[in-house]
Amino acid sequence: MRGLEKRLRTLERGLANGKTLTTDEAGNPIYLEGGGLSLAFRLMEIQDEGGEIPDDLRREAGRWSRSFPESPAEREVKSLCEKAIS
């Protein structure tokens, strides 16, 4: 079954033109554009400054935390977002 899920995600990713599959707050499937690196850098800046994450960044981080990343960079962004919103 895992092989089938992986192939399905690969097909979906191809159809999404390089966008990353995730879900919104209601659980509906959506696609994220870009690799999330600008979000990751912004979250790191906020954490270094000891500040609070604004609501819009928290929502975006939440979407990345529920994503199905393909590249190593996207996996790192997901991990950082999971930590930032926990």
Protein backbone atom coordinates (compact mmCIF):
# COMPACT_ATOMS: atom_id res chain seq x y z
CA MET A 1 0.00 0.00 0.00
CA ARG A 2 2.88 2.40 0.76
CA GLY A 3 4.22 1.97 -2.76
CA LEU A 4 0.86 2.93 -4.19
CA GLU A 5 0.64 6.01 -1.96
CA LYS A 6 4.12 7.10 -3.01
CA ARG A 7 3.30 6.68 -6.70
CA LEU A 8 0.06 8.61 -6.25
CA ARG A 9 1.89 11.48 -4.54
CA THR A 10 4.45 11.48 -7.36
CA LEU A 11 1.67 11.71 -9.94
CA GLU A 12 -0.09 14.45 -7.99
CA ARG A 13 3.17 16.37 -7.71
CA GLY A 14 3.67 16.18 -11.45
CA LEU A 15 0.19 17.51 -12.03
CA ALA A 16 0.81 20.29 -9.52
CA ASN A 17 3.79 21.60 -11.52
CA GLY A 18 6.26 21.38 -8.66
CA LYS A 19 3.94 22.69 -5.97
CA THR A 20 3.85 20.97 -2.59
CA LEU A 21 0.68 19.18 -1.52
CA THR A 22 -0.71 20.00 1.93
CA THR A 23 -4.03 20.69 3.61
CA ASP A 24 -5.64 23.88 4.79
CA GLU A 25 -6.97 24.37 8.31
CA ALA A 26 -10.21 22.57 7.39
CA GLY A 27 -8.37 19.55 5.96
CA ASN A 28 -8.97 20.38 2.31
CA PRO A 29 -6.09 19.61 -0.07
CA ILE A 30 -4.18 22.65 -1.33
CA TYR A 31 -0.81 23.25 -2.97
CA LEU A 32 1.98 25.46 -1.67
CA GLU A 33 4.06 27.43 -4.13
CA GLY A 34 7.80 27.75 -3.74
CA GLY A 35 10.09 25.79 -1.49
CA GLY A 36 9.23 27.54 1.77
CA LEU A 37 12.76 28.82 2.34
CA SER A 38 11.72 32.44 2.81
CA LEU A 39 9.22 31.29 5.45
CA ALA A 40 11.91 29.21 7.14
CA PHE A 41 14.34 32.14 7.27
CA ARG A 42 11.66 34.46 8.63
CA LEU A 43 10.72 31.95 11.34
CA MET A 44 14.38 31.58 12.32
CA GLU A 45 14.75 35.37 12.55
CA ILE A 46 11.70 35.63 14.79
CA GLN A 47 12.94 32.79 17.00
CA ASP A 48 16.41 34.36 17.26
CA GLU A 49 14.85 37.67 18.28
CA GLY A 50 12.62 35.94 20.81
CA GLY A 51 9.53 37.39 19.18
CA GLU A 52 6.07 36.00 18.67
CA ILE A 53 5.12 34.51 15.32
CA PRO A 54 2.44 36.62 13.58
CA ASP A 55 -0.85 34.90 12.74
CA ASP A 56 -0.26 34.93 8.97
CA LEU A 57 3.13 33.24 9.35
CA ARG A 58 1.68 30.80 11.88
CA ARG A 59 -1.01 29.79 9.34
CA GLU A 60 1.58 29.34 6.60
CA ALA A 61 3.82 27.35 8.95
CA GLY A 62 0.81 25.20 9.81
CA ARG A 63 0.28 24.42 6.15
CA TRP A 64 3.93 23.48 5.73
CA SER A 65 3.78 21.33 8.87
CA ARG A 66 1.02 19.26 7.21
CA SER A 67 2.76 19.07 3.82
CA PHE A 68 4.09 16.09 1.90
CA PRO A 69 7.59 17.35 1.04
CA GLU A 70 9.65 15.76 -1.69
CA SER A 71 13.02 17.52 -1.54
CA PRO A 72 15.45 17.65 1.40
CA ALA A 73 14.96 21.42 1.63
CA GLU A 74 11.18 21.03 1.83
CA ARG A 75 11.59 18.38 4.54
CA GLU A 76 13.73 20.80 6.55
CA VAL A 77 11.13 23.55 6.12
CA LYS A 78 8.41 21.16 7.32
CA SER A 79 10.47 20.18 10.36
CA LEU A 80 11.21 23.80 11.25
CA CYS A 81 7.53 24.71 10.89
CA GLU A 82 6.45 21.81 13.08
CA LYS A 83 8.79 23.01 15.82
CA ALA A 84 7.81 26.66 15.41
CA ILE A 85 4.09 26.09 15.91
CA SER A 86 4.27 23.43 18.60
